[in-house]
Amino acid sequence: MADAADDFKYVELCKGINGLDKVVLREVRGSSAEVYLYGAHVTSWKNDHGDELLFVSSKAIFKPPKAIRGGIPICFPQFGSHGTLEQHGFARNRFWNIDTSPPPFPTNTTNRAFVDLILKPSDEDSKIWPHSYEFRLRVTLGPGGDLMLTSRIRNTGLDGKPFSFTFAYHTYFSVSDISEVRVEGLETLDYLDNLKARERFTEQGDSITFESEMDKVYVSTPTKIAILDHEKKRTFVLRKDGLPDAVVWNPWDKKAKSIPDLGDDDYKHMLCVEAACIEKSITLKPGEEWKGRQELSTVPSSYCSGQLDPSKVLEAYGSLTGRGPSSAKDFCP
């Protein structure tokens, strides 16, 4: 008798908003993710209860050439606005193809919900960024509901010339109330403040909380960052490789009103914490490849300072008591 999981549809190509192609990833326990081929843009990530974990603007425009506001835009070949390239580069508003013959990614046999996408330069792109490259992206939904994005960028030029770029996974997390959220893992680190002409400062707080607009690039950051949502008793854990920096951004009320595709009150329910490589650009010689990976997961938690990895606390609590706590309130004072 065949296993019911064998008939389960882990990957489905279908139509999304305005007829744009998207790939839906599903896991048997109920988690899901959606990836638009336009921008290789993850627009949804839901847990096994059907809760949406990513924020997408109430005014998001799913119509090329406008980039989609929210989810996980891919910032390449630049983050920010520099030179003649558009804001955050062009990868997020180009049509990607499904990669039918990707080079071997490290594979986990338990991961069946994934899609491989590829972007190559068009003639028009070559006029504004004259370099030959292949950008391969794998989006994976793990059996436990974790969301993984792995980027591989290769210099395919035959002219012997290197090229440089900056990069970010511009992740918008869905939060209950921005004033009830804190970020841990970036304490005592240096950051560049984009609201003060990229002046360099050192983080002084024991965690990051939000009372006004914030736009900071933290440098030389750890591989793991936690976003604690007090009201939802939920912690996002962001793990990253090959991405030394982290952007923390919220536009707050005044800036939100100036962004056409962002609702006036949307800032209250979103927070961008972005795995990135910005301070020092990446340079690839012909034939060289760069790899950058981000993994997102959630664990139950409460508003406990210093609790960077609540899952470890949950495991320790369970082994001591012989049972798992129903929530992190069981071990938080």
Protein backbone atom coordinates (compact mmCIF):
# COMPACT_ATOMS: atom_id res chain seq x y z
CA MET A 1 0.00 0.00 0.00
CA ALA A 2 1.48 3.36 -1.02
CA ASP A 3 2.33 5.89 1.66
CA ALA A 4 -0.21 8.73 1.63
CA ALA A 5 2.70 11.17 1.66
CA ASP A 6 3.75 9.86 -1.75
CA ASP A 7 0.56 11.34 -3.23
CA PHE A 8 0.96 14.65 -1.37
CA LYS A 9 1.63 17.64 -3.62
CA TYR A 10 4.72 19.29 -2.16
CA VAL A 11 5.28 21.65 -5.11
CA GLU A 12 2.64 23.24 -7.34
CA LEU A 13 3.01 25.80 -10.11
CA CYS A 14 -0.11 27.94 -10.43
CA LYS A 15 -1.36 31.48 -11.07
CA GLY A 16 -1.22 34.18 -8.43
CA ILE A 17 -2.42 37.78 -8.27
CA ASN A 18 -2.90 39.42 -11.69
CA GLY A 19 -2.14 36.10 -13.36
CA LEU A 20 1.52 36.07 -12.30
CA ASP A 21 3.06 32.61 -12.03
CA LYS A 22 3.84 31.38 -8.55
CA VAL A 23 5.06 28.18 -6.92
CA VAL A 24 3.31 26.92 -3.80
CA LEU A 25 5.34 24.76 -1.42
CA ARG A 26 3.49 22.62 1.11
CA GLU A 27 4.46 20.24 3.89
CA VAL A 28 2.29 17.41 5.18
CA ARG A 29 1.95 18.96 8.65
CA GLY A 30 0.25 22.01 7.13
CA SER A 31 2.95 24.66 6.68
CA SER A 32 3.25 26.39 3.31
CA ALA A 33 5.13 29.03 1.33
CA GLU A 34 4.50 30.88 -1.92
CA VAL A 35 7.17 32.08 -4.36
CA TYR A 36 6.39 34.32 -7.33
CA LEU A 37 8.59 33.84 -10.39
CA TYR A 38 8.44 37.61 -10.70
CA GLY A 39 11.37 38.64 -8.53
CA ALA A 40 11.86 35.08 -7.16
CA HIS A 41 9.82 36.70 -4.43
CA VAL A 42 8.58 34.77 -1.39
CA THR A 43 5.22 36.37 -0.57
CA SER A 44 3.83 33.94 2.00
CA TRP A 45 5.13 31.65 4.74
CA LYS A 46 2.54 30.00 6.97
CA ASN A 47 2.96 27.67 9.92
CA ASP A 48 1.03 24.45 10.43
CA HIS A 49 -1.82 26.43 12.05
CA GLY A 50 -2.19 28.56 8.92
CA ASP A 51 -0.79 31.70 10.58
CA GLU A 52 0.93 34.06 8.13
CA LEU A 53 4.49 34.77 9.29
CA LEU A 54 5.54 37.27 6.63
CA PHE A 55 4.14 40.75 6.13
CA VAL A 56 2.88 41.90 2.73
CA SER A 57 1.62 45.46 2.39
CA SER A 58 -2.11 46.04 2.16
CA LYS A 59 -1.26 48.21 -0.88
CA ALA A 60 1.30 45.90 -2.51
CA ILE A 61 1.28 46.17 -6.30
CA PHE A 62 1.58 42.81 -8.05
CA LYS A 63 2.23 44.37 -11.42
CA PRO A 64 5.61 44.61 -13.21
CA PRO A 65 7.82 46.59 -13.21
CA LYS A 66 6.92 47.55 -9.63
CA ALA A 67 8.59 45.38 -6.98
CA ILE A 68 6.26 43.65 -4.52
CA ARG A 69 6.14 45.41 -1.15
CA GLY A 70 6.66 42.83 1.60
CA GLY A 71 7.55 39.16 1.84
CA ILE A 72 11.22 38.54 0.98
CA PRO A 73 12.52 40.71 -1.87
CA ILE A 74 15.97 39.79 -3.23
CA CYS A 75 18.31 42.80 -3.27
CA PHE A 76 20.93 42.28 -6.02
CA PRO A 77 23.29 43.52 -7.39
CA GLN A 78 23.06 46.30 -4.85
CA PHE A 79 21.38 47.22 -1.61
CA GLY A 80 20.22 50.81 -1.40
CA SER A 81 20.58 53.49 -4.07
CA HIS A 82 23.95 53.99 -5.72
CA GLY A 83 24.99 55.07 -9.19
CA THR A 84 22.70 54.37 -12.13
CA LEU A 85 21.11 51.18 -10.78
CA GLU A 86 17.61 51.28 -9.37
CA GLN A 87 16.89 51.08 -5.64
CA HIS A 88 17.99 47.68 -4.28
CA GLY A 89 19.01 46.45 -7.73
CA PHE A 90 16.97 44.71 -10.39
CA ALA A 91 16.66 41.07 -9.28
CA ARG A 92 13.42 41.77 -7.39
CA ASN A 93 11.58 43.02 -10.48
CA ARG A 94 12.75 40.59 -13.13
CA PHE A 95 11.06 37.41 -14.24
CA TRP A 96 13.03 34.38 -13.10
CA ASN A 97 12.86 30.90 -14.64
CA ILE A 98 12.45 27.56 -12.94
CA ASP A 99 15.90 25.96 -13.02
CA THR A 100 15.52 22.50 -14.50
CA SER A 101 19.20 21.60 -14.33
CA PRO A 102 20.68 23.28 -11.27
CA PRO A 103 24.14 22.37 -10.05
CA PRO A 104 23.96 20.10 -7.02
CA PHE A 105 22.87 21.92 -3.88
CA PRO A 106 23.57 20.19 -0.59
CA THR A 107 20.43 18.10 -0.31
CA ASN A 108 18.49 16.86 2.67
CA THR A 109 16.45 13.82 1.72
CA THR A 110 13.65 14.86 4.08
CA ASN A 111 13.11 18.13 2.19
CA ARG A 112 10.70 17.54 -0.67
CA ALA A 113 9.06 20.97 -0.81
CA PHE A 114 11.54 23.14 -2.71
CA VAL A 115 11.95 25.02 -5.96
CA ASP A 116 15.07 26.05 -7.88
CA LEU A 117 14.99 29.36 -9.75
CA ILE A 118 17.55 31.04 -12.00
CA LEU A 119 18.23 34.56 -13.28
CA LYS A 120 20.61 35.47 -16.10
CA PRO A 121 21.33 38.93 -17.51
CA SER A 122 19.09 40.23 -20.28
CA ASP A 123 20.35 42.52 -23.01
CA GLU A 124 18.68 45.45 -21.26
CA ASP A 125 20.24 44.57 -17.90
CA SER A 126 23.68 44.30 -19.51
CA LYS A 127 23.42 47.93 -20.58
CA ILE A 128 23.07 49.12 -16.98
CA TRP A 129 25.19 46.41 -15.28
CA PRO A 130 27.56 44.96 -17.91
CA HIS A 131 28.50 41.68 -16.27
CA SER A 132 27.85 38.01 -17.02
CA TYR A 133 26.43 35.98 -14.15
CA GLU A 134 24.13 33.16 -13.14
CA PHE A 135 22.04 33.65 -10.00
CA ARG A 136 20.56 30.42 -8.70
CA LEU A 137 18.11 30.45 -5.80
CA ARG A 138 16.68 27.48 -3.95
CA VAL A 139 13.65 28.08 -1.71
CA THR A 140 12.96 25.17 0.64
CA LEU A 141 10.16 24.52 3.12
CA GLY A 142 11.41 22.03 5.69
CA PRO A 143 9.28 19.27 7.26
CA GLY A 144 9.12 21.29 10.48
CA GLY A 145 7.99 24.43 8.66
CA ASP A 146 11.38 26.16 8.51
CA LEU A 147 11.92 28.36 5.45
CA MET A 148 15.35 28.31 3.79
CA LEU A 149 16.68 30.49 0.97
CA THR A 150 20.03 29.61 -0.57
CA SER A 151 21.57 31.89 -3.21
CA ARG A 152 24.45 30.99 -5.48
CA ILE A 153 25.88 33.71 -7.71
CA ARG A 154 28.59 32.86 -10.26
CA ASN A 155 30.70 35.08 -12.49
CA THR A 156 30.30 33.50 -15.93
CA GLY A 157 32.20 36.21 -17.80
CA LEU A 158 34.73 35.31 -20.47
CA ASP A 159 36.44 38.70 -20.45
CA GLY A 160 38.60 37.96 -17.41
CA LYS A 161 37.03 40.82 -15.44
CA PRO A 162 35.74 40.54 -11.87
CA PHE A 163 32.54 42.18 -10.68
CA SER A 164 31.37 43.34 -7.27
CA PHE A 165 27.93 43.46 -5.67
CA THR A 166 26.07 43.88 -2.41
CA PHE A 167 23.14 41.72 -1.37
CA ALA A 168 20.26 41.31 1.08
CA TYR A 169 17.28 39.11 1.81
CA HIS A 170 14.90 42.01 2.56
CA THR A 171 12.67 39.98 4.89
CA TYR A 172 9.46 41.56 6.21
CA PHE A 173 8.30 39.74 9.34
CA SER A 174 4.66 39.92 10.42
CA VAL A 175 4.40 41.16 14.01
CA SER A 176 1.48 41.88 16.29
CA ASP A 177 2.55 45.41 17.31
CA ILE A 178 5.97 46.91 16.55
CA SER A 179 6.07 48.58 19.98
CA GLU A 180 5.84 45.12 21.60
CA VAL A 181 8.73 43.60 19.63
CA ARG A 182 12.40 43.29 20.47
CA VAL A 183 15.42 42.02 18.56
CA GLU A 184 18.21 40.15 20.31
CA GLY A 185 21.64 39.10 19.10
CA LEU A 186 22.89 42.51 17.92
CA GLU A 187 23.82 43.99 21.30
CA THR A 188 27.18 45.84 21.60
CA LEU A 189 27.70 45.69 17.81
CA ASP A 190 28.62 48.56 15.50
CA TYR A 191 26.03 49.81 13.03
CA LEU A 192 25.74 52.33 10.22
CA ASP A 193 22.75 54.62 10.73
CA ASN A 194 21.08 55.40 7.40
CA LEU A 195 19.06 58.15 9.10
CA LYS A 196 22.33 59.92 9.98
CA ALA A 197 24.26 59.73 6.70
CA ARG A 198 25.56 56.22 7.48
CA GLU A 199 27.46 57.46 10.53
CA ARG A 200 28.91 54.61 12.60
CA PHE A 201 27.71 53.96 16.16
CA THR A 202 27.83 51.15 18.70
CA GLU A 203 24.59 49.58 19.95
CA GLN A 204 24.17 50.38 23.64
CA GLY A 205 20.94 48.62 24.61
CA ASP A 206 20.63 45.04 25.89
CA SER A 207 18.19 44.51 23.00
CA ILE A 208 16.64 46.54 20.19
CA THR A 209 13.15 47.97 20.73
CA PHE A 210 11.11 50.35 18.58
CA GLU A 211 9.72 53.79 19.35
CA SER A 212 10.45 55.64 16.10
CA GLU A 213 11.78 55.15 12.58
CA MET A 214 14.83 52.87 12.39
CA ASP A 215 17.14 52.10 9.46
CA LYS A 216 20.42 50.56 10.61
CA VAL A 217 23.01 48.25 9.07
CA TYR A 218 24.66 46.16 11.80
CA VAL A 219 28.09 44.88 10.77
CA SER A 220 29.98 41.69 11.62
CA THR A 221 26.88 40.14 13.12
CA PRO A 222 26.46 36.63 14.57
CA THR A 223 24.96 33.82 12.54
CA LYS A 224 21.77 33.86 14.63
CA ILE A 225 19.34 36.68 15.45
CA ALA A 226 16.04 36.46 17.36
CA ILE A 227 12.91 38.59 16.92
CA LEU A 228 10.63 38.30 19.96
CA ASP A 229 6.93 39.14 19.57
CA HIS A 230 5.51 39.58 23.06
CA GLU A 231 1.83 39.63 22.14
CA LYS A 232 1.94 36.53 19.94
CA LYS A 233 4.28 34.64 22.33
CA ARG A 234 6.37 33.86 19.26
CA THR A 235 10.05 34.17 18.46
CA PHE A 236 11.45 34.21 14.94
CA VAL A 237 14.95 32.77 14.74
CA LEU A 238 17.00 33.93 11.76
CA ARG A 239 20.11 31.90 10.95
CA LYS A 240 22.47 32.98 8.18
CA ASP A 241 25.67 31.96 6.41
CA GLY A 242 27.83 34.04 4.08
CA LEU A 243 25.97 37.21 5.10
CA PRO A 244 27.95 39.14 7.74
CA ASP A 245 25.62 42.14 8.08
CA ALA A 246 22.03 42.61 9.26
CA VAL A 247 19.63 45.44 8.40
CA VAL A 248 16.92 46.45 10.88
CA TRP A 249 14.25 48.70 9.38
CA ASN A 250 10.84 50.08 10.26
CA PRO A 251 9.58 53.27 8.56
CA TRP A 252 7.27 54.36 11.43
CA ASP A 253 4.27 56.60 10.84
CA LYS A 254 5.61 59.60 8.95
CA LYS A 255 7.75 57.63 6.49
CA ALA A 256 5.00 55.02 6.00
CA LYS A 257 2.64 57.73 4.78
CA SER A 258 5.19 58.76 2.14
CA ILE A 259 5.48 55.25 0.66
CA PRO A 260 2.71 54.84 -1.95
CA ASP A 261 2.44 51.04 -1.74
CA LEU A 262 2.45 50.89 2.07
CA GLY A 263 -0.67 51.45 4.16
CA ASP A 264 -0.51 54.28 6.69
CA ASP A 265 -0.74 51.86 9.63
CA ASP A 266 1.16 48.95 8.08
CA TYR A 267 4.33 49.92 9.92
CA LYS A 268 2.73 48.73 13.17
CA HIS A 269 2.56 45.15 11.93
CA MET A 270 5.88 44.74 10.11
CA LEU A 271 9.57 44.59 10.90
CA CYS A 272 12.42 44.08 8.45
CA VAL A 273 15.41 42.17 9.78
CA GLU A 274 17.57 41.36 6.79
CA ALA A 275 20.49 38.99 6.36
CA ALA A 276 22.85 41.00 4.17
CA CYS A 277 26.31 41.76 2.84
CA ILE A 278 26.50 45.54 2.51
CA GLU A 279 29.43 47.17 4.31
CA LYS A 280 32.01 45.31 2.22
CA SER A 281 30.96 44.27 -1.27
CA ILE A 282 31.48 40.76 -2.64
CA THR A 283 33.89 40.47 -5.57
CA LEU A 284 33.90 37.48 -7.91
CA LYS A 285 36.52 36.68 -10.51
CA PRO A 286 35.43 34.73 -13.61
CA GLY A 287 34.45 31.22 -12.59
CA GLU A 288 34.11 32.09 -8.91
CA GLU A 289 30.88 31.58 -7.00
CA TRP A 290 29.41 33.14 -3.85
CA LYS A 291 26.86 31.44 -1.63
CA GLY A 292 24.57 33.09 0.92
CA ARG A 293 21.95 31.28 2.98
CA GLN A 294 19.12 32.30 5.28
CA GLU A 295 16.98 29.99 7.41
CA LEU A 296 13.87 31.19 9.23
CA SER A 297 12.08 29.31 11.98
CA THR A 298 9.67 30.06 14.81
CA VAL A 299 9.48 28.80 18.38
CA PRO A 300 7.04 29.52 21.22
CA SER A 301 8.42 32.15 23.56
CA SER A 302 7.66 34.96 25.93
CA TYR A 303 9.18 38.37 26.44
CA CYS A 304 12.41 37.22 28.09
CA SER A 305 15.56 39.24 27.67
CA GLY A 306 18.64 37.25 26.77
CA GLN A 307 16.67 34.26 25.55
CA LEU A 308 18.32 34.09 22.14
CA ASP A 309 17.46 30.47 21.43
CA PRO A 310 14.19 29.64 23.20
CA SER A 311 14.13 26.16 21.67
CA LYS A 312 17.17 25.24 23.77
CA VAL A 313 15.37 26.45 26.89
CA LEU A 314 12.29 24.43 25.93
CA GLU A 315 14.38 21.32 25.41
CA ALA A 316 16.21 21.78 28.71
CA TYR A 317 12.94 22.38 30.54
CA GLY A 318 11.41 19.25 29.05
CA SER A 319 14.36 17.05 30.02
CA LEU A 320 14.30 18.35 33.59
CA THR A 321 10.58 17.97 34.16
CA GLY A 322 9.75 15.11 31.86
CA ARG A 323 7.27 17.27 29.97
CA GLY A 324 7.39 20.15 27.54
CA PRO A 325 6.00 23.50 28.73
CA SER A 326 2.81 24.64 27.04
CA SER A 327 4.47 27.99 26.46
CA ALA A 328 7.57 29.89 27.47
CA LYS A 329 5.55 31.48 30.30
CA ASP A 330 6.25 28.26 32.23
CA PHE A 331 9.89 29.18 32.59
CA CYS A 332 9.88 32.97 32.33
CA PRO A 333 9.67 34.90 35.59
